[in-house]
Structure formats: structure tokens, C-alpha cells
Amino acid sequence: SMPESMVENIDENYVAAGYHSRSDLIRD
């Protein structure tokens, strides 16, 4: 569980950071 604002931030930035999915970023 995460605040919606945190999920939105992840969704806006994970591709730019070179990740293929939100899960990959969170796992790292």
C-alpha cells in the first residue's frame, strides 16, 4: 500500500529511469 501521490510519481518516472514496469522499480 502506498499513497496515491507516490504511485502517480512512480508512474510518471519509471520509464524515464529505464524501468519496464513499476514493479521493477519497486523491487530494485
mmCIF file of all heavy atoms, coordinates in Angstrom:
data_MODEL
# 
_entry.id   MODEL 
# 
loop_
_atom_site.group_PDB 
_atom_site.id 
_atom_site.type_symbol 
_atom_site.label_atom_id 
_atom_site.label_alt_id 
_atom_site.label_comp_id 
_atom_site.label_asym_id 
_atom_site.label_entity_id 
_atom_site.label_seq_id 
_atom_site.pdbx_PDB_ins_code 
_atom_site.Cartn_x 
_atom_site.Cartn_y 
_atom_site.Cartn_z 
_atom_site.occupancy 
_atom_site.B_iso_or_equiv 
_atom_site.pdbx_formal_charge 
_atom_site.auth_seq_id 
_atom_site.auth_comp_id 
_atom_site.auth_asym_id 
_atom_site.auth_atom_id 
_atom_site.pdbx_PDB_model_num 
ATOM 1   N N   . SER A 1 1  ? 0.840  -1.194 0.000   1.00 0.00 ? 1  SER A N   1 
ATOM 2   C CA  . SER A 1 1  ? 0.000  0.000  0.000   1.00 0.00 ? 1  SER A CA  1 
ATOM 3   C C   . SER A 1 1  ? 0.873  1.240  0.000   1.00 0.00 ? 1  SER A C   1 
ATOM 4   O O   . SER A 1 1  ? 1.844  1.322  0.739   1.00 0.00 ? 1  SER A O   1 
ATOM 5   C CB  . SER A 1 1  ? -0.898 0.021  1.240   1.00 0.00 ? 1  SER A CB  1 
ATOM 6   O OG  . SER A 1 1  ? -1.760 -1.080 1.217   1.00 0.00 ? 1  SER A OG  1 
ATOM 7   N N   . MET A 1 2  ? 0.526  2.193  -0.878  1.00 0.00 ? 2  MET A N   1 
ATOM 8   C CA  . MET A 1 2  ? 1.248  3.461  -0.960  1.00 0.00 ? 2  MET A CA  1 
ATOM 9   C C   . MET A 1 2  ? 0.237  4.573  -1.181  1.00 0.00 ? 2  MET A C   1 
ATOM 10  O O   . MET A 1 2  ? -0.810 4.342  -1.789  1.00 0.00 ? 2  MET A O   1 
ATOM 11  C CB  . MET A 1 2  ? 2.211  3.462  -2.147  1.00 0.00 ? 2  MET A CB  1 
ATOM 12  C CG  . MET A 1 2  ? 3.413  2.603  -2.002  1.00 0.00 ? 2  MET A CG  1 
ATOM 13  S SD  . MET A 1 2  ? 4.517  2.827  -3.411  1.00 0.00 ? 2  MET A SD  1 
ATOM 14  C CE  . MET A 1 2  ? 3.955  1.501  -4.453  1.00 0.00 ? 2  MET A CE  1 
ATOM 15  N N   . PRO A 1 3  ? 0.588  5.768  -0.728  1.00 0.00 ? 3  PRO A N   1 
ATOM 16  C CA  . PRO A 1 3  ? -0.285 6.902  -1.036  1.00 0.00 ? 3  PRO A CA  1 
ATOM 17  C C   . PRO A 1 3  ? -0.409 7.066  -2.557  1.00 0.00 ? 3  PRO A C   1 
ATOM 18  O O   . PRO A 1 3  ? 0.538  6.806  -3.300  1.00 0.00 ? 3  PRO A O   1 
ATOM 19  C CB  . PRO A 1 3  ? 0.439  8.103  -0.424  1.00 0.00 ? 3  PRO A CB  1 
ATOM 20  C CG  . PRO A 1 3  ? 1.405  7.533  0.552   1.00 0.00 ? 3  PRO A CG  1 
ATOM 21  C CD  . PRO A 1 3  ? 1.759  6.167  0.052   1.00 0.00 ? 3  PRO A CD  1 
ATOM 22  N N   . GLU A 1 4  ? -1.571 7.487  -2.995  1.00 0.00 ? 4  GLU A N   1 
ATOM 23  C CA  . GLU A 1 4  ? -1.817 7.650  -4.430  1.00 0.00 ? 4  GLU A CA  1 
ATOM 24  C C   . GLU A 1 4  ? -0.803 8.584  -5.077  1.00 0.00 ? 4  GLU A C   1 
ATOM 25  O O   . GLU A 1 4  ? -0.355 8.350  -6.197  1.00 0.00 ? 4  GLU A O   1 
ATOM 26  C CB  . GLU A 1 4  ? -3.236 8.173  -4.663  1.00 0.00 ? 4  GLU A CB  1 
ATOM 27  C CG  . GLU A 1 4  ? -3.621 8.195  -6.112  1.00 0.00 ? 4  GLU A CG  1 
ATOM 28  C CD  . GLU A 1 4  ? -5.081 8.554  -6.325  1.00 0.00 ? 4  GLU A CD  1 
ATOM 29  O OE1 . GLU A 1 4  ? -5.893 8.373  -5.415  1.00 0.00 ? 4  GLU A OE1 1 
ATOM 30  O OE2 . GLU A 1 4  ? -5.384 9.035  -7.423  1.00 0.00 ? 4  GLU A OE2 1 
ATOM 31  N N   . SER A 1 5  ? -0.394 9.626  -4.363  1.00 0.00 ? 5  SER A N   1 
ATOM 32  C CA  . SER A 1 5  ? 0.578  10.568 -4.926  1.00 0.00 ? 5  SER A CA  1 
ATOM 33  C C   . SER A 1 5  ? 1.919  9.891  -5.200  1.00 0.00 ? 5  SER A C   1 
ATOM 34  O O   . SER A 1 5  ? 2.596  10.208 -6.180  1.00 0.00 ? 5  SER A O   1 
ATOM 35  C CB  . SER A 1 5  ? 0.771  11.767 -3.997  1.00 0.00 ? 5  SER A CB  1 
ATOM 36  O OG  . SER A 1 5  ? 1.276  11.346 -2.747  1.00 0.00 ? 5  SER A OG  1 
ATOM 37  N N   . MET A 1 6  ? 2.300  8.934  -4.361  1.00 0.00 ? 6  MET A N   1 
ATOM 38  C CA  . MET A 1 6  ? 3.553  8.213  -4.569  1.00 0.00 ? 6  MET A CA  1 
ATOM 39  C C   . MET A 1 6  ? 3.441  7.310  -5.797  1.00 0.00 ? 6  MET A C   1 
ATOM 40  O O   . MET A 1 6  ? 4.371  7.244  -6.617  1.00 0.00 ? 6  MET A O   1 
ATOM 41  C CB  . MET A 1 6  ? 3.912  7.381  -3.338  1.00 0.00 ? 6  MET A CB  1 
ATOM 42  C CG  . MET A 1 6  ? 5.263  6.713  -3.426  1.00 0.00 ? 6  MET A CG  1 
ATOM 43  S SD  . MET A 1 6  ? 5.651  5.720  -1.961  1.00 0.00 ? 6  MET A SD  1 
ATOM 44  C CE  . MET A 1 6  ? 5.972  7.015  -0.780  1.00 0.00 ? 6  MET A CE  1 
ATOM 45  N N   . VAL A 1 7  ? 2.318  6.635  -5.946  1.00 0.00 ? 7  VAL A N   1 
ATOM 46  C CA  . VAL A 1 7  ? 2.100  5.782  -7.117  1.00 0.00 ? 7  VAL A CA  1 
ATOM 47  C C   . VAL A 1 7  ? 2.118  6.623  -8.383  1.00 0.00 ? 7  VAL A C   1 
ATOM 48  O O   . VAL A 1 7  ? 2.735  6.243  -9.388  1.00 0.00 ? 7  VAL A O   1 
ATOM 49  C CB  . VAL A 1 7  ? 0.770  5.005  -6.988  1.00 0.00 ? 7  VAL A CB  1 
ATOM 50  C CG1 . VAL A 1 7  ? 0.475  4.222  -8.266  1.00 0.00 ? 7  VAL A CG1 1 
ATOM 51  C CG2 . VAL A 1 7  ? 0.802  4.066  -5.788  1.00 0.00 ? 7  VAL A CG2 1 
ATOM 52  N N   . GLU A 1 8  ? 1.480  7.777  -8.357  1.00 0.00 ? 8  GLU A N   1 
ATOM 53  C CA  . GLU A 1 8  ? 1.474  8.660  -9.524  1.00 0.00 ? 8  GLU A CA  1 
ATOM 54  C C   . GLU A 1 8  ? 2.887  9.106  -9.881  1.00 0.00 ? 8  GLU A C   1 
ATOM 55  O O   . GLU A 1 8  ? 3.269  9.139  -11.051 1.00 0.00 ? 8  GLU A O   1 
ATOM 56  C CB  . GLU A 1 8  ? 0.581  9.872  -9.271  1.00 0.00 ? 8  GLU A CB  1 
ATOM 57  C CG  . GLU A 1 8  ? -0.890 9.531  -9.236  1.00 0.00 ? 8  GLU A CG  1 
ATOM 58  C CD  . GLU A 1 8  ? -1.766 10.681 -8.766  1.00 0.00 ? 8  GLU A CD  1 
ATOM 59  O OE1 . GLU A 1 8  ? -1.229 11.745 -8.386  1.00 0.00 ? 8  GLU A OE1 1 
ATOM 60  O OE2 . GLU A 1 8  ? -2.995 10.511 -8.776  1.00 0.00 ? 8  GLU A OE2 1 
ATOM 61  N N   . ASN A 1 9  ? 3.687  9.433  -8.858  1.00 0.00 ? 9  ASN A N   1 
ATOM 62  C CA  . ASN A 1 9  ? 5.069  9.847  -9.092  1.00 0.00 ? 9  ASN A CA  1 
ATOM 63  C C   . ASN A 1 9  ? 5.866  8.720  -9.719  1.00 0.00 ? 9  ASN A C   1 
ATOM 64  O O   . ASN A 1 9  ? 6.617  8.936  -10.686 1.00 0.00 ? 9  ASN A O   1 
ATOM 65  C CB  . ASN A 1 9  ? 5.705  10.302 -7.775  1.00 0.00 ? 9  ASN A CB  1 
ATOM 66  C CG  . ASN A 1 9  ? 7.093  10.833 -7.979  1.00 0.00 ? 9  ASN A CG  1 
ATOM 67  O OD1 . ASN A 1 9  ? 8.030  10.074 -8.207  1.00 0.00 ? 9  ASN A OD1 1 
ATOM 68  N ND2 . ASN A 1 9  ? 7.235  12.133 -7.884  1.00 0.00 ? 9  ASN A ND2 1 
ATOM 69  N N   . ILE A 1 10 ? 5.693  7.515  -9.210  1.00 0.00 ? 10 ILE A N   1 
ATOM 70  C CA  . ILE A 1 10 ? 6.388  6.358  -9.779  1.00 0.00 ? 10 ILE A CA  1 
ATOM 71  C C   . ILE A 1 10 ? 5.960  6.172  -11.234 1.00 0.00 ? 10 ILE A C   1 
ATOM 72  O O   . ILE A 1 10 ? 6.790  5.977  -12.120 1.00 0.00 ? 10 ILE A O   1 
ATOM 73  C CB  . ILE A 1 10 ? 6.099  5.090  -8.951  1.00 0.00 ? 10 ILE A CB  1 
ATOM 74  C CG1 . ILE A 1 10 ? 6.816  5.184  -7.590  1.00 0.00 ? 10 ILE A CG1 1 
ATOM 75  C CG2 . ILE A 1 10 ? 6.547  3.830  -9.691  1.00 0.00 ? 10 ILE A CG2 1 
ATOM 76  C CD1 . ILE A 1 10 ? 6.392  4.112  -6.608  1.00 0.00 ? 10 ILE A CD1 1 
ATOM 77  N N   . ASP A 1 11 ? 4.646  6.216  -11.477 1.00 0.00 ? 11 ASP A N   1 
ATOM 78  C CA  . ASP A 1 11 ? 4.143  6.002  -12.837 1.00 0.00 ? 11 ASP A CA  1 
ATOM 79  C C   . ASP A 1 11 ? 4.648  7.055  -13.812 1.00 0.00 ? 11 ASP A C   1 
ATOM 80  O O   . ASP A 1 11 ? 4.890  6.757  -14.976 1.00 0.00 ? 11 ASP A O   1 
ATOM 81  C CB  . ASP A 1 11 ? 2.611  5.980  -12.838 1.00 0.00 ? 11 ASP A CB  1 
ATOM 82  C CG  . ASP A 1 11 ? 2.048  4.703  -12.246 1.00 0.00 ? 11 ASP A CG  1 
ATOM 83  O OD1 . ASP A 1 11 ? 2.817  3.738  -12.049 1.00 0.00 ? 11 ASP A OD1 1 
ATOM 84  O OD2 . ASP A 1 11 ? 0.832  4.669  -11.972 1.00 0.00 ? 11 ASP A OD2 1 
ATOM 85  N N   . GLU A 1 12 ? 4.834  8.269  -13.357 1.00 0.00 ? 12 GLU A N   1 
ATOM 86  C CA  . GLU A 1 12 ? 5.318  9.334  -14.226 1.00 0.00 ? 12 GLU A CA  1 
ATOM 87  C C   . GLU A 1 12 ? 6.805  9.198  -14.533 1.00 0.00 ? 12 GLU A C   1 
ATOM 88  O O   . GLU A 1 12 ? 7.277  9.713  -15.538 1.00 0.00 ? 12 GLU A O   1 
ATOM 89  C CB  . GLU A 1 12 ? 5.069  10.696 -13.580 1.00 0.00 ? 12 GLU A CB  1 
ATOM 90  C CG  . GLU A 1 12 ? 3.607  11.072 -13.508 1.00 0.00 ? 12 GLU A CG  1 
ATOM 91  C CD  . GLU A 1 12 ? 3.354  12.316 -12.665 1.00 0.00 ? 12 GLU A CD  1 
ATOM 92  O OE1 . GLU A 1 12 ? 4.337  12.936 -12.197 1.00 0.00 ? 12 GLU A OE1 1 
ATOM 93  O OE2 . GLU A 1 12 ? 2.184  12.656 -12.472 1.00 0.00 ? 12 GLU A OE2 1 
ATOM 94  N N   . ASN A 1 13 ? 7.549  8.486  -13.678 1.00 0.00 ? 13 ASN A N   1 
ATOM 95  C CA  . ASN A 1 13 ? 9.005  8.499  -13.807 1.00 0.00 ? 13 ASN A CA  1 
ATOM 96  C C   . ASN A 1 13 ? 9.691  7.163  -14.066 1.00 0.00 ? 13 ASN A C   1 
ATOM 97  O O   . ASN A 1 13 ? 10.863 7.153  -14.426 1.00 0.00 ? 13 ASN A O   1 
ATOM 98  C CB  . ASN A 1 13 ? 9.604  9.121  -12.535 1.00 0.00 ? 13 ASN A CB  1 
ATOM 99  C CG  . ASN A 1 13 ? 9.220  10.572 -12.404 1.00 0.00 ? 13 ASN A CG  1 
ATOM 100 O OD1 . ASN A 1 13 ? 9.623  11.394 -13.207 1.00 0.00 ? 13 ASN A OD1 1 
ATOM 101 N ND2 . ASN A 1 13 ? 8.410  10.884 -11.409 1.00 0.00 ? 13 ASN A ND2 1 
ATOM 102 N N   . TYR A 1 14 ? 9.018  6.029  -13.922 1.00 0.00 ? 14 TYR A N   1 
ATOM 103 C CA  . TYR A 1 14 ? 9.742  4.757  -14.025 1.00 0.00 ? 14 TYR A CA  1 
ATOM 104 C C   . TYR A 1 14 ? 10.280 4.481  -15.421 1.00 0.00 ? 14 TYR A C   1 
ATOM 105 O O   . TYR A 1 14 ? 11.382 3.957  -15.563 1.00 0.00 ? 14 TYR A O   1 
ATOM 106 C CB  . TYR A 1 14 ? 8.941  3.570  -13.467 1.00 0.00 ? 14 TYR A CB  1 
ATOM 107 C CG  . TYR A 1 14 ? 7.805  3.058  -14.309 1.00 0.00 ? 14 TYR A CG  1 
ATOM 108 C CD1 . TYR A 1 14 ? 8.031  2.124  -15.314 1.00 0.00 ? 14 TYR A CD1 1 
ATOM 109 C CD2 . TYR A 1 14 ? 6.499  3.471  -14.081 1.00 0.00 ? 14 TYR A CD2 1 
ATOM 110 C CE1 . TYR A 1 14 ? 6.986  1.630  -16.074 1.00 0.00 ? 14 TYR A CE1 1 
ATOM 111 C CE2 . TYR A 1 14 ? 5.455  2.980  -14.836 1.00 0.00 ? 14 TYR A CE2 1 
ATOM 112 C CZ  . TYR A 1 14 ? 5.701  2.061  -15.827 1.00 0.00 ? 14 TYR A CZ  1 
ATOM 113 O OH  . TYR A 1 14 ? 4.665  1.570  -16.569 1.00 0.00 ? 14 TYR A OH  1 
ATOM 114 N N   . VAL A 1 15 ? 9.569  4.857  -16.451 1.00 0.00 ? 15 VAL A N   1 
ATOM 115 C CA  . VAL A 1 15 ? 10.065 4.636  -17.816 1.00 0.00 ? 15 VAL A CA  1 
ATOM 116 C C   . VAL A 1 15 ? 11.285 5.516  -18.079 1.00 0.00 ? 15 VAL A C   1 
ATOM 117 O O   . VAL A 1 15 ? 12.291 5.057  -18.623 1.00 0.00 ? 15 VAL A O   1 
ATOM 118 C CB  . VAL A 1 15 ? 8.956  4.885  -18.856 1.00 0.00 ? 15 VAL A CB  1 
ATOM 119 C CG1 . VAL A 1 15 ? 9.529  4.839  -20.276 1.00 0.00 ? 15 VAL A CG1 1 
ATOM 120 C CG2 . VAL A 1 15 ? 7.833  3.869  -18.701 1.00 0.00 ? 15 VAL A CG2 1 
ATOM 121 N N   . ALA A 1 16 ? 11.228 6.760  -17.649 1.00 0.00 ? 16 ALA A N   1 
ATOM 122 C CA  . ALA A 1 16 ? 12.359 7.678  -17.831 1.00 0.00 ? 16 ALA A CA  1 
ATOM 123 C C   . ALA A 1 16 ? 13.595 7.181  -17.082 1.00 0.00 ? 16 ALA A C   1 
ATOM 124 O O   . ALA A 1 16 ? 14.721 7.463  -17.496 1.00 0.00 ? 16 ALA A O   1 
ATOM 125 C CB  . ALA A 1 16 ? 11.979 9.075  -17.345 1.00 0.00 ? 16 ALA A CB  1 
ATOM 126 N N   . ALA A 1 17 ? 13.381 6.427  -16.010 1.00 0.00 ? 17 ALA A N   1 
ATOM 127 C CA  . ALA A 1 17 ? 14.505 5.888  -15.235 1.00 0.00 ? 17 ALA A CA  1 
ATOM 128 C C   . ALA A 1 17 ? 15.019 4.574  -15.819 1.00 0.00 ? 17 ALA A C   1 
ATOM 129 O O   . ALA A 1 17 ? 15.940 3.972  -15.275 1.00 0.00 ? 17 ALA A O   1 
ATOM 130 C CB  . ALA A 1 17 ? 14.079 5.688  -13.781 1.00 0.00 ? 17 ALA A CB  1 
ATOM 131 N N   . GLY A 1 18 ? 14.421 4.124  -16.924 1.00 0.00 ? 18 GLY A N   1 
ATOM 132 C CA  . GLY A 1 18 ? 14.899 2.921  -17.596 1.00 0.00 ? 18 GLY A CA  1 
ATOM 133 C C   . GLY A 1 18 ? 14.216 1.638  -17.168 1.00 0.00 ? 18 GLY A C   1 
ATOM 134 O O   . GLY A 1 18 ? 14.676 0.550  -17.507 1.00 0.00 ? 18 GLY A O   1 
ATOM 135 N N   . TYR A 1 19 ? 13.130 1.733  -16.434 1.00 0.00 ? 19 TYR A N   1 
ATOM 136 C CA  . TYR A 1 19 ? 12.412 0.544  -15.988 1.00 0.00 ? 19 TYR A CA  1 
ATOM 137 C C   . TYR A 1 19 ? 11.279 0.219  -16.946 1.00 0.00 ? 19 TYR A C   1 
ATOM 138 O O   . TYR A 1 19 ? 10.706 1.102  -17.569 1.00 0.00 ? 19 TYR A O   1 
ATOM 139 C CB  . TYR A 1 19 ? 11.853 0.754  -14.574 1.00 0.00 ? 19 TYR A CB  1 
ATOM 140 C CG  . TYR A 1 19 ? 12.933 0.790  -13.532 1.00 0.00 ? 19 TYR A CG  1 
ATOM 141 C CD1 . TYR A 1 19 ? 13.480 2.003  -13.123 1.00 0.00 ? 19 TYR A CD1 1 
ATOM 142 C CD2 . TYR A 1 19 ? 13.432 -0.376 -12.987 1.00 0.00 ? 19 TYR A CD2 1 
ATOM 143 C CE1 . TYR A 1 19 ? 14.495 2.047  -12.187 1.00 0.00 ? 19 TYR A CE1 1 
ATOM 144 C CE2 . TYR A 1 19 ? 14.447 -0.338 -12.048 1.00 0.00 ? 19 TYR A CE2 1 
ATOM 145 C CZ  . TYR A 1 19 ? 14.975 0.865  -11.649 1.00 0.00 ? 19 TYR A CZ  1 
ATOM 146 O OH  . TYR A 1 19 ? 15.975 0.901  -10.733 1.00 0.00 ? 19 TYR A OH  1 
ATOM 147 N N   . HIS A 1 20 ? 10.963 -1.076 -17.034 1.00 0.00 ? 20 HIS A N   1 
ATOM 148 C CA  . HIS A 1 20 ? 9.876  -1.516 -17.901 1.00 0.00 ? 20 HIS A CA  1 
ATOM 149 C C   . HIS A 1 20 ? 8.548  -1.580 -17.163 1.00 0.00 ? 20 HIS A C   1 
ATOM 150 O O   . HIS A 1 20 ? 7.503  -1.662 -17.796 1.00 0.00 ? 20 HIS A O   1 
ATOM 151 C CB  . HIS A 1 20 ? 10.196 -2.885 -18.504 1.00 0.00 ? 20 HIS A CB  1 
ATOM 152 C CG  . HIS A 1 20 ? 11.400 -2.852 -19.378 1.00 0.00 ? 20 HIS A CG  1 
ATOM 153 N ND1 . HIS A 1 20 ? 11.397 -2.265 -20.624 1.00 0.00 ? 20 HIS A ND1 1 
ATOM 154 C CD2 . HIS A 1 20 ? 12.657 -3.301 -19.187 1.00 0.00 ? 20 HIS A CD2 1 
ATOM 155 C CE1 . HIS A 1 20 ? 12.597 -2.368 -21.162 1.00 0.00 ? 20 HIS A CE1 1 
ATOM 156 N NE2 . HIS A 1 20 ? 13.380 -2.985 -20.312 1.00 0.00 ? 20 HIS A NE2 1 
ATOM 157 N N   . SER A 1 21 ? 8.619  -1.569 -15.833 1.00 0.00 ? 21 SER A N   1 
ATOM 158 C CA  . SER A 1 21 ? 7.378  -1.636 -15.062 1.00 0.00 ? 21 SER A CA  1 
ATOM 159 C C   . SER A 1 21 ? 7.581  -1.007 -13.690 1.00 0.00 ? 21 SER A C   1 
ATOM 160 O O   . SER A 1 21 ? 8.704  -0.868 -13.207 1.00 0.00 ? 21 SER A O   1 
ATOM 161 C CB  . SER A 1 21 ? 6.919  -3.083 -14.881 1.00 0.00 ? 21 SER A CB  1 
ATOM 162 O OG  . SER A 1 21 ? 7.792  -3.764 -13.995 1.00 0.00 ? 21 SER A OG  1 
ATOM 163 N N   . ARG A 1 22 ? 6.493  -0.640 -13.085 1.00 0.00 ? 22 ARG A N   1 
ATOM 164 C CA  . ARG A 1 22 ? 6.502  -0.113 -11.721 1.00 0.00 ? 22 ARG A CA  1 
ATOM 165 C C   . ARG A 1 22 ? 7.095  -1.157 -10.769 1.00 0.00 ? 22 ARG A C   1 
ATOM 166 O O   . ARG A 1 22 ? 7.878  -0.829 -9.883  1.00 0.00 ? 22 ARG A O   1 
ATOM 167 C CB  . ARG A 1 22 ? 5.067  0.213  -11.322 1.00 0.00 ? 22 ARG A CB  1 
ATOM 168 C CG  . ARG A 1 22 ? 4.921  0.754  -9.940  1.00 0.00 ? 22 ARG A CG  1 
ATOM 169 C CD  . ARG A 1 22 ? 3.485  0.775  -9.482  1.00 0.00 ? 22 ARG A CD  1 
ATOM 170 N NE  . ARG A 1 22 ? 2.596  1.494  -10.366 1.00 0.00 ? 22 ARG A NE  1 
ATOM 171 C CZ  . ARG A 1 22 ? 1.287  1.276  -10.424 1.00 0.00 ? 22 ARG A CZ  1 
ATOM 172 N NH1 . ARG A 1 22 ? 0.717  0.381  -9.664  1.00 0.00 ? 22 ARG A NH1 1 
ATOM 173 N NH2 . ARG A 1 22 ? 0.537  1.971  -11.243 1.00 0.00 ? 22 ARG A NH2 1 
ATOM 174 N N   . SER A 1 23 ? 6.753  -2.417 -10.978 1.00 0.00 ? 23 SER A N   1 
ATOM 175 C CA  . SER A 1 23 ? 7.243  -3.492 -10.104 1.00 0.00 ? 23 SER A CA  1 
ATOM 176 C C   . SER A 1 23 ? 8.766  -3.590 -10.121 1.00 0.00 ? 23 SER A C   1 
ATOM 177 O O   . SER A 1 23 ? 9.392  -3.813 -9.078  1.00 0.00 ? 23 SER A O   1 
ATOM 178 C CB  . SER A 1 23 ? 6.646  -4.838 -10.523 1.00 0.00 ? 23 SER A CB  1 
ATOM 179 O OG  . SER A 1 23 ? 5.265  -4.841 -10.334 1.00 0.00 ? 23 SER A OG  1 
ATOM 180 N N   . ASP A 1 24 ? 9.373  -3.441 -11.299 1.00 0.00 ? 24 ASP A N   1 
ATOM 181 C CA  . ASP A 1 24 ? 10.836 -3.495 -11.394 1.00 0.00 ? 24 ASP A CA  1 
ATOM 182 C C   . ASP A 1 24 ? 11.481 -2.394 -10.558 1.00 0.00 ? 24 ASP A C   1 
ATOM 183 O O   . ASP A 1 24 ? 12.458 -2.634 -9.842  1.00 0.00 ? 24 ASP A O   1 
ATOM 184 C CB  . ASP A 1 24 ? 11.301 -3.352 -12.846 1.00 0.00 ? 24 ASP A CB  1 
ATOM 185 C CG  . ASP A 1 24 ? 10.962 -4.555 -13.702 1.00 0.00 ? 24 ASP A CG  1 
ATOM 186 O OD1 . ASP A 1 24 ? 10.666 -5.632 -13.138 1.00 0.00 ? 24 ASP A OD1 1 
ATOM 187 O OD2 . ASP A 1 24 ? 10.998 -4.416 -14.943 1.00 0.00 ? 24 ASP A OD2 1 
ATOM 188 N N   . LEU A 1 25 ? 10.955 -1.190 -10.655 1.00 0.00 ? 25 LEU A N   1 
ATOM 189 C CA  . LEU A 1 25 ? 11.498 -0.071 -9.891  1.00 0.00 ? 25 LEU A CA  1 
ATOM 190 C C   . LEU A 1 25 ? 11.361 -0.320 -8.390  1.00 0.00 ? 25 LEU A C   1 
ATOM 191 O O   . LEU A 1 25 ? 12.320 -0.153 -7.631  1.00 0.00 ? 25 LEU A O   1 
ATOM 192 C CB  . LEU A 1 25 ? 10.788 1.226  -10.268 1.00 0.00 ? 25 LEU A CB  1 
ATOM 193 C CG  . LEU A 1 25 ? 11.324 2.472  -9.575  1.00 0.00 ? 25 LEU A CG  1 
ATOM 194 C CD1 . LEU A 1 25 ? 11.318 3.637  -10.538 1.00 0.00 ? 25 LEU A CD1 1 
ATOM 195 C CD2 . LEU A 1 25 ? 10.481 2.806  -8.363  1.00 0.00 ? 25 LEU A CD2 1 
ATOM 196 N N   . ILE A 1 26 ? 10.189 -0.761 -7.960  1.00 0.00 ? 26 ILE A N   1 
ATOM 197 C CA  . ILE A 1 26 ? 9.950  -1.006 -6.535  1.00 0.00 ? 26 ILE A CA  1 
ATOM 198 C C   . ILE A 1 26 ? 10.841 -2.136 -6.032  1.00 0.00 ? 26 ILE A C   1 
ATOM 199 O O   . ILE A 1 26 ? 11.426 -2.052 -4.952  1.00 0.00 ? 26 ILE A O   1 
ATOM 200 C CB  . ILE A 1 26 ? 8.457  -1.294 -6.279  1.00 0.00 ? 26 ILE A CB  1 
ATOM 201 C CG1 . ILE A 1 26 ? 7.644  -0.017 -6.555  1.00 0.00 ? 26 ILE A CG1 1 
ATOM 202 C CG2 . ILE A 1 26 ? 8.222  -1.796 -4.858  1.00 0.00 ? 26 ILE A CG2 1 
ATOM 203 C CD1 . ILE A 1 26 ? 6.154  -0.217 -6.592  1.00 0.00 ? 26 ILE A CD1 1 
ATOM 204 N N   . ARG A 1 27 ? 10.988 -3.203 -6.824  1.00 0.00 ? 27 ARG A N   1 
ATOM 205 C CA  . ARG A 1 27 ? 11.844 -4.326 -6.438  1.00 0.00 ? 27 ARG A CA  1 
ATOM 206 C C   . ARG A 1 27 ? 13.288 -3.861 -6.249  1.00 0.00 ? 27 ARG A C   1 
ATOM 207 O O   . ARG A 1 27 ? 13.946 -4.200 -5.265  1.00 0.00 ? 27 ARG A O   1 
ATOM 208 C CB  . ARG A 1 27 ? 11.749 -5.412 -7.508  1.00 0.00 ? 27 ARG A CB  1 
ATOM 209 C CG  . ARG A 1 27 ? 12.161 -6.760 -7.066  1.00 0.00 ? 27 ARG A CG  1 
ATOM 210 C CD  . ARG A 1 27 ? 11.855 -7.893 -8.048  1.00 0.00 ? 27 ARG A CD  1 
ATOM 211 N NE  . ARG A 1 27 ? 11.440 -7.530 -9.384  1.00 0.00 ? 27 ARG A NE  1 
ATOM 212 C CZ  . ARG A 1 27 ? 10.161 -7.529 -9.819  1.00 0.00 ? 27 ARG A CZ  1 
ATOM 213 N NH1 . ARG A 1 27 ? 9.199  -7.844 -9.006  1.00 0.00 ? 27 ARG A NH1 1 
ATOM 214 N NH2 . ARG A 1 27 ? 9.883  -7.204 -11.065 1.00 0.00 ? 27 ARG A NH2 1 
ATOM 215 N N   . ASP A 1 28 ? 13.801 -3.042 -7.196  1.00 0.00 ? 28 ASP A N   1 
ATOM 216 C CA  . ASP A 1 28 ? 15.168 -2.522 -7.064  1.00 0.00 ? 28 ASP A CA  1 
ATOM 217 C C   . ASP A 1 28 ? 15.309 -1.621 -5.841  1.00 0.00 ? 28 ASP A C   1 
ATOM 218 O O   . ASP A 1 28 ? 16.336 -1.662 -5.144  1.00 0.00 ? 28 ASP A O   1 
ATOM 219 C CB  . ASP A 1 28 ? 15.583 -1.761 -8.318  1.00 0.00 ? 28 ASP A CB  1 
ATOM 220 C CG  . ASP A 1 28 ? 16.098 -2.667 -9.413  1.00 0.00 ? 28 ASP A CG  1 
ATOM 221 O OD1 . ASP A 1 28 ? 16.198 -3.894 -9.194  1.00 0.00 ? 28 ASP A OD1 1 
ATOM 222 O OD2 . ASP A 1 28 ? 16.404 -2.140 -10.503 1.00 0.00 ? 28 ASP A OD2 1 
# 
